[in-house]
Amino acid sequence: MSKNPLPYLLIAAATMTVGPLAAAGGDATAGKTKSAACASCHGPDGISPQPNFPILAGQYPDYIVRALKDYKSGERENAIMKGFVTNLTEQDMHDLAAYFYSQKGLVAPEISNP
């Protein structure tokens, strides 16, 4: 007798949805407040109006935290970012990551097949 795979699929889907939020370890509400300095380049919701600045909305929290740590340590070099991250605590980084992850990123348009 085979088992119904639906419960396993639901658990997998929930894990993929909730996992990155849990991994962020941050507070999206606090991150929104802390993101004010980011808005001039990355946009208030993390979608940059200029193509030369990365879009942060919807980005995985681990990626944002790693990038911020790398800018702070000097592993990634960017004078502008270095100035912004110098005084960030690890909690600040996690809060920012949680906020930007919670924002809806750009979605590719659907293409209909005639």
N, C-alpha and C. Protein backbone atom coordinates (compact mmCIF):
# COMPACT_ATOMS: atom_id res chain seq x y z
N MET A 1 0.85 -1.18 0.00
CA MET A 1 0.00 0.00 0.00
C MET A 1 0.90 1.24 0.00
N SER A 2 0.70 2.16 -0.95
CA SER A 2 1.52 3.37 -0.99
C SER A 2 0.90 4.46 -0.14
N LYS A 3 1.77 5.28 0.41
CA LYS A 3 1.31 6.38 1.25
C LYS A 3 0.96 7.59 0.39
N ASN A 4 0.06 8.40 0.88
CA ASN A 4 -0.33 9.63 0.20
C ASN A 4 0.82 10.64 0.32
N PRO A 5 1.37 11.15 -0.78
CA PRO A 5 2.50 12.08 -0.72
C PRO A 5 2.09 13.52 -0.37
N LEU A 6 0.80 13.81 -0.36
CA LEU A 6 0.35 15.19 -0.15
C LEU A 6 0.87 15.80 1.16
N PRO A 7 0.79 15.11 2.31
CA PRO A 7 1.30 15.73 3.53
C PRO A 7 2.79 16.08 3.43
N TYR A 8 3.55 15.23 2.77
CA TYR A 8 4.98 15.49 2.62
C TYR A 8 5.24 16.69 1.72
N LEU A 9 4.43 16.81 0.67
CA LEU A 9 4.56 17.95 -0.23
C LEU A 9 4.20 19.25 0.48
N LEU A 10 3.16 19.20 1.31
CA LEU A 10 2.77 20.40 2.06
C LEU A 10 3.84 20.81 3.05
N ILE A 11 4.44 19.87 3.72
CA ILE A 11 5.53 20.17 4.66
C ILE A 11 6.71 20.77 3.91
N ALA A 12 7.05 20.21 2.77
CA ALA A 12 8.16 20.74 1.98
C ALA A 12 7.88 22.16 1.52
N ALA A 13 6.66 22.42 1.06
CA ALA A 13 6.29 23.77 0.61
C ALA A 13 6.36 24.76 1.77
N ALA A 14 5.86 24.37 2.93
CA ALA A 14 5.90 25.26 4.10
C ALA A 14 7.33 25.54 4.51
N THR A 15 8.18 24.56 4.45
CA THR A 15 9.58 24.74 4.82
C THR A 15 10.27 25.71 3.87
N MET A 16 9.98 25.61 2.58
CA MET A 16 10.62 26.50 1.61
C MET A 16 10.13 27.93 1.80
N THR A 17 8.90 28.12 2.23
CA THR A 17 8.35 29.45 2.41
C THR A 17 8.81 30.08 3.71
N VAL A 18 8.78 29.32 4.79
CA VAL A 18 9.09 29.86 6.11
C VAL A 18 10.58 29.83 6.38
N GLY A 19 11.30 28.91 5.79
CA GLY A 19 12.72 28.74 6.07
C GLY A 19 13.54 30.01 6.00
N PRO A 20 13.51 30.74 4.87
CA PRO A 20 14.32 31.95 4.79
C PRO A 20 13.95 33.00 5.83
N LEU A 21 12.65 33.10 6.19
CA LEU A 21 12.28 34.06 7.23
C LEU A 21 12.88 33.67 8.56
N ALA A 22 12.83 32.39 8.88
CA ALA A 22 13.40 31.93 10.13
C ALA A 22 14.91 32.09 10.11
N ALA A 23 15.53 31.87 8.97
CA ALA A 23 16.98 31.98 8.86
C ALA A 23 17.45 33.42 9.04
N ALA A 24 16.59 34.37 8.73
CA ALA A 24 16.99 35.76 8.83
C ALA A 24 17.31 36.14 10.26
N GLY A 25 16.56 35.60 11.21
CA GLY A 25 16.80 35.94 12.61
C GLY A 25 16.60 37.42 12.88
N GLY A 26 15.88 38.08 12.03
CA GLY A 26 15.71 39.52 12.17
C GLY A 26 14.26 39.91 12.29
N ASP A 27 14.07 41.18 12.57
CA ASP A 27 12.76 41.78 12.75
C ASP A 27 12.52 42.72 11.57
N ALA A 28 11.59 42.34 10.71
CA ALA A 28 11.33 43.12 9.50
C ALA A 28 10.85 44.54 9.81
N THR A 29 10.09 44.69 10.90
CA THR A 29 9.61 46.04 11.28
C THR A 29 10.79 46.92 11.68
N ALA A 30 11.69 46.38 12.46
CA ALA A 30 12.89 47.14 12.84
C ALA A 30 13.75 47.40 11.61
N GLY A 31 13.82 46.42 10.72
CA GLY A 31 14.60 46.57 9.50
C GLY A 31 14.09 47.68 8.61
N LYS A 32 12.77 47.84 8.57
CA LYS A 32 12.19 48.92 7.76
C LYS A 32 12.69 50.27 8.25
N THR A 33 12.70 50.46 9.55
CA THR A 33 13.20 51.72 10.13
C THR A 33 14.67 51.91 9.80
N LYS A 34 15.44 50.84 9.93
CA LYS A 34 16.89 50.91 9.68
C LYS A 34 17.22 51.07 8.20
N SER A 35 16.27 50.78 7.33
CA SER A 35 16.54 50.81 5.89
C SER A 35 16.47 52.22 5.29
N ALA A 36 16.14 53.21 6.08
CA ALA A 36 16.02 54.57 5.55
C ALA A 36 17.28 55.01 4.81
N ALA A 37 18.44 54.66 5.33
CA ALA A 37 19.70 55.05 4.69
C ALA A 37 19.90 54.32 3.36
N CYS A 38 19.28 53.18 3.20
CA CYS A 38 19.43 52.36 1.99
C CYS A 38 18.59 52.91 0.83
N ALA A 39 17.53 53.63 1.17
CA ALA A 39 16.52 54.03 0.20
C ALA A 39 17.05 54.90 -0.93
N SER A 40 18.04 55.74 -0.65
CA SER A 40 18.50 56.65 -1.70
C SER A 40 19.09 55.90 -2.90
N CYS A 41 19.69 54.76 -2.67
CA CYS A 41 20.25 53.97 -3.78
C CYS A 41 19.37 52.77 -4.16
N HIS A 42 18.85 52.08 -3.15
CA HIS A 42 18.14 50.82 -3.38
C HIS A 42 16.62 50.98 -3.41
N GLY A 43 16.11 52.20 -3.22
CA GLY A 43 14.68 52.44 -3.21
C GLY A 43 14.08 52.13 -1.85
N PRO A 44 12.98 52.79 -1.48
CA PRO A 44 12.39 52.62 -0.15
C PRO A 44 11.90 51.20 0.13
N ASP A 45 11.57 50.47 -0.92
CA ASP A 45 11.09 49.09 -0.73
C ASP A 45 12.11 48.07 -1.22
N GLY A 46 13.30 48.54 -1.57
CA GLY A 46 14.36 47.63 -2.02
C GLY A 46 14.41 47.41 -3.51
N ILE A 47 13.56 48.13 -4.26
CA ILE A 47 13.60 48.04 -5.72
C ILE A 47 14.21 49.35 -6.23
N SER A 48 15.45 49.25 -6.61
CA SER A 48 16.20 50.42 -7.04
C SER A 48 15.61 51.02 -8.31
N PRO A 49 15.44 52.35 -8.33
CA PRO A 49 14.97 52.99 -9.55
C PRO A 49 16.08 53.12 -10.60
N GLN A 50 17.32 52.84 -10.19
CA GLN A 50 18.45 52.97 -11.10
C GLN A 50 19.07 51.59 -11.34
N PRO A 51 19.40 51.27 -12.58
CA PRO A 51 19.90 49.92 -12.89
C PRO A 51 21.28 49.60 -12.32
N ASN A 52 22.04 50.61 -11.89
CA ASN A 52 23.38 50.33 -11.38
C ASN A 52 23.40 49.99 -9.89
N PHE A 53 22.24 49.96 -9.22
CA PHE A 53 22.17 49.56 -7.83
C PHE A 53 21.33 48.28 -7.72
N PRO A 54 21.81 47.32 -6.95
CA PRO A 54 21.09 46.04 -6.85
C PRO A 54 19.70 46.17 -6.25
N ILE A 55 18.81 45.31 -6.71
CA ILE A 55 17.47 45.20 -6.13
C ILE A 55 17.57 44.28 -4.92
N LEU A 56 17.13 44.76 -3.78
CA LEU A 56 17.21 43.98 -2.53
C LEU A 56 15.88 43.32 -2.18
N ALA A 57 14.78 43.83 -2.71
CA ALA A 57 13.46 43.29 -2.39
C ALA A 57 13.37 41.82 -2.79
N GLY A 58 12.94 40.99 -1.85
CA GLY A 58 12.77 39.58 -2.11
C GLY A 58 14.06 38.77 -2.06
N GLN A 59 15.17 39.43 -1.80
CA GLN A 59 16.46 38.73 -1.76
C GLN A 59 16.54 37.84 -0.52
N TYR A 60 17.21 36.72 -0.64
CA TYR A 60 17.35 35.80 0.49
C TYR A 60 18.11 36.48 1.64
N PRO A 61 17.61 36.32 2.86
CA PRO A 61 18.23 36.96 4.02
C PRO A 61 19.70 36.59 4.19
N ASP A 62 20.04 35.32 4.00
CA ASP A 62 21.44 34.91 4.17
C ASP A 62 22.36 35.67 3.23
N TYR A 63 21.89 35.91 2.02
CA TYR A 63 22.70 36.64 1.05
C TYR A 63 22.94 38.08 1.50
N ILE A 64 21.88 38.73 1.96
CA ILE A 64 22.02 40.13 2.40
C ILE A 64 22.95 40.22 3.60
N VAL A 65 22.77 39.35 4.58
CA VAL A 65 23.63 39.38 5.77
C VAL A 65 25.08 39.14 5.36
N ARG A 66 25.32 38.15 4.51
CA ARG A 66 26.69 37.85 4.07
C ARG A 66 27.30 39.04 3.34
N ALA A 67 26.53 39.68 2.45
CA ALA A 67 27.04 40.84 1.71
C ALA A 67 27.38 41.98 2.66
N LEU A 68 26.51 42.26 3.62
CA LEU A 68 26.78 43.34 4.58
C LEU A 68 28.02 43.05 5.41
N LYS A 69 28.16 41.79 5.86
CA LYS A 69 29.35 41.42 6.63
C LYS A 69 30.61 41.56 5.78
N ASP A 70 30.51 41.16 4.52
CA ASP A 70 31.67 41.27 3.64
C ASP A 70 32.06 42.73 3.37
N TYR A 71 31.08 43.60 3.23
CA TYR A 71 31.39 45.03 3.08
C TYR A 71 32.04 45.56 4.35
N LYS A 72 31.53 45.15 5.48
CA LYS A 72 32.06 45.63 6.77
C LYS A 72 33.50 45.15 6.98
N SER A 73 33.78 43.90 6.64
CA SER A 73 35.12 43.34 6.84
C SER A 73 36.11 43.80 5.78
N GLY A 74 35.61 44.31 4.67
CA GLY A 74 36.47 44.71 3.57
C GLY A 74 36.66 43.63 2.52
N GLU A 75 36.05 42.46 2.74
CA GLU A 75 36.15 41.39 1.75
C GLU A 75 35.51 41.82 0.42
N ARG A 76 34.42 42.57 0.52
CA ARG A 76 33.83 43.22 -0.66
C ARG A 76 34.19 44.69 -0.54
N GLU A 77 34.67 45.25 -1.63
CA GLU A 77 35.12 46.64 -1.59
C GLU A 77 34.14 47.56 -2.31
N ASN A 78 33.64 48.52 -1.54
CA ASN A 78 32.79 49.56 -2.10
C ASN A 78 32.78 50.66 -1.05
N ALA A 79 33.34 51.80 -1.39
CA ALA A 79 33.48 52.89 -0.42
C ALA A 79 32.14 53.37 0.12
N ILE A 80 31.14 53.42 -0.72
CA ILE A 80 29.82 53.88 -0.28
C ILE A 80 29.23 52.89 0.72
N MET A 81 29.24 51.60 0.37
CA MET A 81 28.69 50.60 1.28
C MET A 81 29.49 50.50 2.56
N LYS A 82 30.80 50.63 2.48
CA LYS A 82 31.65 50.57 3.68
C LYS A 82 31.21 51.64 4.67
N GLY A 83 30.90 52.82 4.18
CA GLY A 83 30.44 53.89 5.07
C GLY A 83 29.12 53.57 5.74
N PHE A 84 28.23 52.89 5.03
CA PHE A 84 26.93 52.57 5.60
C PHE A 84 26.98 51.42 6.59
N VAL A 85 27.85 50.45 6.37
CA VAL A 85 27.85 49.26 7.22
C VAL A 85 28.77 49.36 8.43
N THR A 86 29.62 50.36 8.47
CA THR A 86 30.61 50.47 9.53
C THR A 86 30.00 50.33 10.92
N ASN A 87 28.88 50.98 11.17
CA ASN A 87 28.29 50.97 12.50
C ASN A 87 27.13 49.99 12.66
N LEU A 88 26.89 49.14 11.66
CA LEU A 88 25.82 48.16 11.78
C LEU A 88 26.24 47.03 12.71
N THR A 89 25.34 46.64 13.58
CA THR A 89 25.57 45.45 14.40
C THR A 89 25.09 44.24 13.60
N GLU A 90 25.39 43.05 14.09
CA GLU A 90 24.91 41.85 13.42
C GLU A 90 23.38 41.81 13.43
N GLN A 91 22.78 42.26 14.55
CA GLN A 91 21.31 42.29 14.62
C GLN A 91 20.74 43.26 13.60
N ASP A 92 21.39 44.42 13.42
CA ASP A 92 20.96 45.37 12.40
C ASP A 92 20.94 44.70 11.02
N MET A 93 21.99 43.93 10.74
CA MET A 93 22.09 43.25 9.45
C MET A 93 20.95 42.24 9.27
N HIS A 94 20.65 41.51 10.32
CA HIS A 94 19.56 40.53 10.24
C HIS A 94 18.20 41.22 10.10
N ASP A 95 18.03 42.36 10.78
CA ASP A 95 16.78 43.11 10.66
C ASP A 95 16.60 43.64 9.24
N LEU A 96 17.67 44.19 8.67
CA LEU A 96 17.60 44.67 7.29
C LEU A 96 17.29 43.53 6.33
N ALA A 97 17.94 42.40 6.55
CA ALA A 97 17.71 41.23 5.68
C ALA A 97 16.26 40.77 5.76
N ALA A 98 15.71 40.74 6.97
CA ALA A 98 14.31 40.32 7.14
C ALA A 98 13.37 41.30 6.45
N TYR A 99 13.66 42.60 6.56
CA TYR A 99 12.80 43.60 5.90
C TYR A 99 12.84 43.44 4.38
N PHE A 100 14.03 43.41 3.81
CA PHE A 100 14.11 43.34 2.36
C PHE A 100 13.56 42.03 1.83
N TYR A 101 13.75 40.94 2.56
CA TYR A 101 13.18 39.67 2.14
C TYR A 101 11.66 39.72 2.13
N SER A 102 11.09 40.48 3.06
CA SER A 102 9.63 40.56 3.16
C SER A 102 8.99 41.41 2.06
N GLN A 103 9.81 42.15 1.34
CA GLN A 103 9.30 42.99 0.27
C GLN A 103 9.15 42.17 -1.01
N LYS A 104 8.15 42.51 -1.78
CA LYS A 104 7.93 41.78 -3.03
C LYS A 104 8.96 42.24 -4.06
N GLY A 105 9.73 41.30 -4.55
CA GLY A 105 10.72 41.61 -5.57
C GLY A 105 10.07 41.74 -6.94
N LEU A 106 10.87 41.99 -7.92
CA LEU A 106 10.36 42.09 -9.28
C LEU A 106 9.92 40.71 -9.75
N VAL A 107 8.86 40.69 -10.50
CA VAL A 107 8.34 39.43 -11.03
C VAL A 107 8.41 39.50 -12.55
N ALA A 108 8.93 38.45 -13.14
CA ALA A 108 9.00 38.41 -14.60
C ALA A 108 7.59 38.37 -15.18
N PRO A 109 7.37 39.09 -16.24
CA PRO A 109 6.03 39.07 -16.84
C PRO A 109 5.71 37.70 -17.42
N GLU A 110 4.45 37.36 -17.36
CA GLU A 110 4.01 36.09 -17.95
C GLU A 110 3.94 36.27 -19.46
N ILE A 111 4.37 35.26 -20.16
CA ILE A 111 4.34 35.31 -21.62
C ILE A 111 3.29 34.29 -22.07
N SER A 112 2.33 34.79 -22.80
CA SER A 112 1.30 33.86 -23.27
C SER A 112 1.72 33.33 -24.64
N ASN A 113 1.35 32.12 -24.86
CA ASN A 113 1.65 31.47 -26.12
C ASN A 113 0.41 31.56 -27.00
N PRO A 114 0.51 32.23 -28.15
CA PRO A 114 -0.67 32.38 -29.00
C PRO A 114 -1.17 31.08 -29.59
